[in-house]
Structure formats: C-alpha cells, structure tokens
Amino acid sequence: MLASLTTAQAARRADRIAVVEARGSRVVEGAPGTPFTRSTFAVRHLVKGTLPPTFVLQVIGGRLGNHVVPSIVPPFVRARRYVLFLGPDGPAGPTLFPQSTIEVGGARDPPLGRVLSTIRRSLRTEASS
C-alpha cells in the first residue's frame, strides 16, 4: 500500500509536475508474463522541471490474454487531462507518484486553477525554506 500524500507534499517531492493530455494506452509484456500499461501523454503545461512535449509513462498492470494484474493507477482515459507528479526517469521513462495523480476538466473533478494554486503555493513555501 502506498503512503497517501497531499497535493502540497507531492508537489514538493516531485522532480517534475505537468498538466498533460492522455493520448492513449497499450499493454505490453514487461518481465515474462507480467503486463505493463504504457500511456502516452502530451504536455499542456509544465509546472515544475522539464519534460519533452510528449512522453510515455509505464506502470505495472493490465491484461495479457487471460492474465490480469491490477494496477495501482486508475486507467488513463484518452483525451482527458491530468496533473501528474513525476519522479526521476526509470528504465522505461518517468516514474510516477501514483497516489497523487489528479484528473482535471470533468464536471466532478477539482478545477485546474485551484489545483495549480495549491501546487504553486507549496512550491513557493519550499523555495523560501
């Protein structure tokens, strides 16, 4: 089980933070018989750090034939926007703080402006420490 993080905690710990748009996902075989889901994202707004305009994020989980491995990250929906908190690059691209992924833009989602205000406030607090 992952430790929960507030948005402010995730913002301070992350190397990179970006508002992204999901471009699609596919399941690949990582270790023999182990499914990994690779999702492609387009960066819409970079809040912290650097990223290329598009990048791929790989997380364990998905379906390969009859073999299903649950993922700790809910599936990313094509064309939806997310705020991602990313760590250093791993063997397959950026690492993710999965417990801090925030979907934005939907009727039930938090407003992007409010999320970004919280992140910026926490980053200013970190910089002045």
C-alpha atoms as a PDB file:
ATOM      1  CA  MET A   1       0.000   0.000   0.000  1.00  0.00           C
ATOM      2  CA  LEU A   2       1.231   3.471  -0.862  1.00  0.00           C
ATOM      3  CA  ALA A   3       1.504   6.235   1.685  1.00  0.00           C
ATOM      4  CA  SER A   4      -1.017   8.954   0.974  1.00  0.00           C
ATOM      5  CA  LEU A   5       0.334  12.350   0.018  1.00  0.00           C
ATOM      6  CA  THR A   6      -1.364  15.707  -0.018  1.00  0.00           C
ATOM      7  CA  THR A   7      -1.072  17.740  -3.209  1.00  0.00           C
ATOM      8  CA  ALA A   8       1.421  20.014  -1.432  1.00  0.00           C
ATOM      9  CA  GLN A   9       3.559  17.066  -0.277  1.00  0.00           C
ATOM     10  CA  ALA A  10       3.562  15.535  -3.760  1.00  0.00           C
ATOM     11  CA  ALA A  11       4.482  18.913  -5.295  1.00  0.00           C
ATOM     12  CA  ARG A  12       7.481  19.295  -3.009  1.00  0.00           C
ATOM     13  CA  ARG A  13       8.710  15.716  -3.572  1.00  0.00           C
ATOM     14  CA  ALA A  14       8.195  15.567  -7.346  1.00  0.00           C
ATOM     15  CA  ASP A  15      11.042  16.378  -9.742  1.00  0.00           C
ATOM     16  CA  ARG A  16       8.519  17.324 -12.434  1.00  0.00           C
ATOM     17  CA  ILE A  17       4.863  18.344 -12.419  1.00  0.00           C
ATOM     18  CA  ALA A  18       2.818  18.722 -15.582  1.00  0.00           C
ATOM     19  CA  VAL A  19      -0.723  19.174 -16.824  1.00  0.00           C
ATOM     20  CA  VAL A  20      -0.986  16.564 -19.552  1.00  0.00           C
ATOM     21  CA  GLU A  21      -3.487  15.163 -22.014  1.00  0.00           C
ATOM     22  CA  ALA A  22      -3.700  11.374 -22.338  1.00  0.00           C
ATOM     23  CA  ARG A  23      -3.092  10.188 -25.914  1.00  0.00           C
ATOM     24  CA  GLY A  24      -3.792   6.503 -25.420  1.00  0.00           C
ATOM     25  CA  SER A  25      -2.518   3.404 -23.670  1.00  0.00           C
ATOM     26  CA  ARG A  26      -1.437  -0.090 -24.617  1.00  0.00           C
ATOM     27  CA  VAL A  27      -0.458  -3.143 -22.624  1.00  0.00           C
ATOM     28  CA  VAL A  28       2.947  -4.713 -23.216  1.00  0.00           C
ATOM     29  CA  GLU A  29       4.755  -7.643 -21.663  1.00  0.00           C
ATOM     30  CA  GLY A  30       7.460  -6.430 -19.280  1.00  0.00           C
ATOM     31  CA  ALA A  31       9.022  -9.292 -17.370  1.00  0.00           C
ATOM     32  CA  PRO A  32       7.886 -12.640 -18.812  1.00  0.00           C
ATOM     33  CA  GLY A  33       4.120 -12.872 -18.312  1.00  0.00           C
ATOM     34  CA  THR A  34       3.872  -9.541 -16.499  1.00  0.00           C
ATOM     35  CA  PRO A  35       1.697  -6.897 -18.133  1.00  0.00           C
ATOM     36  CA  PHE A  36       2.670  -3.252 -18.074  1.00  0.00           C
ATOM     37  CA  THR A  37       0.487  -0.429 -19.346  1.00  0.00           C
ATOM     38  CA  ARG A  38       2.256   2.229 -21.394  1.00  0.00           C
ATOM     39  CA  SER A  39       0.394   5.518 -21.691  1.00  0.00           C
ATOM     40  CA  THR A  40       1.420   8.388 -23.949  1.00  0.00           C
ATOM     41  CA  PHE A  41       0.878  11.978 -22.825  1.00  0.00           C
ATOM     42  CA  ALA A  42       1.127  15.396 -24.444  1.00  0.00           C
ATOM     43  CA  VAL A  43       2.377  18.109 -22.091  1.00  0.00           C
ATOM     44  CA  ARG A  44      -0.087  21.017 -21.968  1.00  0.00           C
ATOM     45  CA  HIS A  45       1.513  22.994 -19.134  1.00  0.00           C
ATOM     46  CA  LEU A  46       4.753  22.382 -17.275  1.00  0.00           C
ATOM     47  CA  VAL A  47       4.641  23.456 -13.623  1.00  0.00           C
ATOM     48  CA  LYS A  48       7.988  22.139 -12.382  1.00  0.00           C
ATOM     49  CA  GLY A  49      11.048  20.597 -14.025  1.00  0.00           C
ATOM     50  CA  THR A  50      11.469  19.684 -17.682  1.00  0.00           C
ATOM     51  CA  LEU A  51       9.776  17.171 -19.969  1.00  0.00           C
ATOM     52  CA  PRO A  52       9.666  16.660 -23.716  1.00  0.00           C
ATOM     53  CA  PRO A  53       6.419  17.730 -25.464  1.00  0.00           C
ATOM     54  CA  THR A  54       5.240  14.094 -25.391  1.00  0.00           C
ATOM     55  CA  PHE A  55       6.365  11.241 -23.178  1.00  0.00           C
ATOM     56  CA  VAL A  56       5.441   7.679 -22.239  1.00  0.00           C
ATOM     57  CA  LEU A  57       4.696   6.520 -18.729  1.00  0.00           C
ATOM     58  CA  GLN A  58       4.829   2.810 -17.898  1.00  0.00           C
ATOM     59  CA  VAL A  59       3.116   1.268 -14.872  1.00  0.00           C
ATOM     60  CA  ILE A  60       2.733  -2.339 -13.859  1.00  0.00           C
ATOM     61  CA  GLY A  61      -0.703  -3.789 -14.503  1.00  0.00           C
ATOM     62  CA  GLY A  62      -3.063  -4.626 -17.320  1.00  0.00           C
ATOM     63  CA  ARG A  63      -4.333  -7.655 -19.200  1.00  0.00           C
ATOM     64  CA  LEU A  64      -2.246 -10.039 -21.299  1.00  0.00           C
ATOM     65  CA  GLY A  65      -4.522 -12.744 -22.639  1.00  0.00           C
ATOM     66  CA  ASN A  66      -6.218 -14.272 -19.588  1.00  0.00           C
ATOM     67  CA  HIS A  67      -3.588 -12.926 -17.183  1.00  0.00           C
ATOM     68  CA  VAL A  68      -4.699  -9.769 -15.344  1.00  0.00           C
ATOM     69  CA  VAL A  69      -2.539  -7.781 -12.957  1.00  0.00           C
ATOM     70  CA  PRO A  70      -4.310  -4.935 -11.148  1.00  0.00           C
ATOM     71  CA  SER A  71      -2.675  -1.528 -11.383  1.00  0.00           C
ATOM     72  CA  ILE A  72      -2.296   0.968  -8.563  1.00  0.00           C
ATOM     73  CA  VAL A  73      -3.107   3.702 -11.108  1.00  0.00           C
ATOM     74  CA  PRO A  74      -6.636   4.058 -12.496  1.00  0.00           C
ATOM     75  CA  PRO A  75      -6.661   3.774 -16.305  1.00  0.00           C
ATOM     76  CA  PHE A  76      -5.868   6.985 -18.140  1.00  0.00           C
ATOM     77  CA  VAL A  77      -8.698   7.944 -20.488  1.00  0.00           C
ATOM     78  CA  ARG A  78      -7.743   9.177 -23.953  1.00  0.00           C
ATOM     79  CA  ALA A  79      -8.191  12.973 -24.416  1.00  0.00           C
ATOM     80  CA  ARG A  80      -8.672  13.600 -20.671  1.00  0.00           C
ATOM     81  CA  ARG A  81      -6.366  15.932 -18.757  1.00  0.00           C
ATOM     82  CA  TYR A  82      -4.385  15.043 -15.658  1.00  0.00           C
ATOM     83  CA  VAL A  83      -1.913  16.669 -13.312  1.00  0.00           C
ATOM     84  CA  LEU A  84       0.971  14.229 -12.950  1.00  0.00           C
ATOM     85  CA  PHE A  85       3.645  14.335 -10.260  1.00  0.00           C
ATOM     86  CA  LEU A  86       6.744  12.672 -11.663  1.00  0.00           C
ATOM     87  CA  GLY A  87       9.984  11.471 -10.154  1.00  0.00           C
ATOM     88  CA  PRO A  88      13.277  10.687 -11.854  1.00  0.00           C
ATOM     89  CA  ASP A  89      13.433   8.642 -15.023  1.00  0.00           C
ATOM     90  CA  GLY A  90      13.408   4.880 -14.591  1.00  0.00           C
ATOM     91  CA  PRO A  91      14.279   2.256 -17.226  1.00  0.00           C
ATOM     92  CA  ALA A  92      11.044   2.964 -19.156  1.00  0.00           C
ATOM     93  CA  GLY A  93      10.684   6.737 -18.677  1.00  0.00           C
ATOM     94  CA  PRO A  94       9.456   8.978 -15.867  1.00  0.00           C
ATOM     95  CA  THR A  95       8.418   7.453 -12.563  1.00  0.00           C
ATOM     96  CA  LEU A  96       5.048   8.451 -11.145  1.00  0.00           C
ATOM     97  CA  PHE A  97       3.665   9.349  -7.736  1.00  0.00           C
ATOM     98  CA  PRO A  98       0.534   7.268  -8.468  1.00  0.00           C
ATOM     99  CA  GLN A  99      -1.377   8.255  -5.327  1.00  0.00           C
ATOM    100  CA  SER A 100      -1.197  11.911  -6.379  1.00  0.00           C
ATOM    101  CA  THR A 101      -2.497  11.732  -9.948  1.00  0.00           C
ATOM    102  CA  ILE A 102      -5.310  14.268 -10.373  1.00  0.00           C
ATOM    103  CA  GLU A 103      -7.810  14.219 -13.225  1.00  0.00           C
ATOM    104  CA  VAL A 104      -8.979  17.723 -14.184  1.00  0.00           C
ATOM    105  CA  GLY A 105     -11.516  19.170 -16.581  1.00  0.00           C
ATOM    106  CA  GLY A 106     -14.513  16.956 -15.830  1.00  0.00           C
ATOM    107  CA  ALA A 107     -17.678  18.045 -14.032  1.00  0.00           C
ATOM    108  CA  ARG A 108     -16.742  16.126 -10.859  1.00  0.00           C
ATOM    109  CA  ASP A 109     -13.027  16.949 -10.996  1.00  0.00           C
ATOM    110  CA  PRO A 110     -11.352  19.704  -8.996  1.00  0.00           C
ATOM    111  CA  PRO A 111     -10.883  22.905 -11.023  1.00  0.00           C
ATOM    112  CA  LEU A 112      -7.451  23.079 -12.645  1.00  0.00           C
ATOM    113  CA  GLY A 113      -6.902  26.619 -11.354  1.00  0.00           C
ATOM    114  CA  ARG A 114      -7.410  25.546  -7.756  1.00  0.00           C
ATOM    115  CA  VAL A 115      -5.055  22.571  -8.142  1.00  0.00           C
ATOM    116  CA  LEU A 116      -2.360  24.744  -9.728  1.00  0.00           C
ATOM    117  CA  SER A 117      -2.748  27.379  -6.987  1.00  0.00           C
ATOM    118  CA  THR A 118      -2.166  24.727  -4.315  1.00  0.00           C
ATOM    119  CA  ILE A 119       0.890  23.429  -6.170  1.00  0.00           C
ATOM    120  CA  ARG A 120       2.386  26.885  -6.721  1.00  0.00           C
ATOM    121  CA  ARG A 121       1.804  27.835  -3.077  1.00  0.00           C
ATOM    122  CA  SER A 122       3.581  24.724  -1.869  1.00  0.00           C
ATOM    123  CA  LEU A 123       6.498  25.318  -4.257  1.00  0.00           C
ATOM    124  CA  ARG A 124       6.877  28.929  -3.039  1.00  0.00           C
ATOM    125  CA  THR A 125       6.882  27.664   0.554  1.00  0.00           C
ATOM    126  CA  GLU A 126       9.567  25.128  -0.364  1.00  0.00           C
ATOM    127  CA  ALA A 127      11.708  27.784  -2.097  1.00  0.00           C
ATOM    128  CA  SER A 128      11.569  30.114   0.884  1.00  0.00           C
ATOM    129  CA  SER A 129      12.558  27.394   3.378  1.00  0.00           C
END
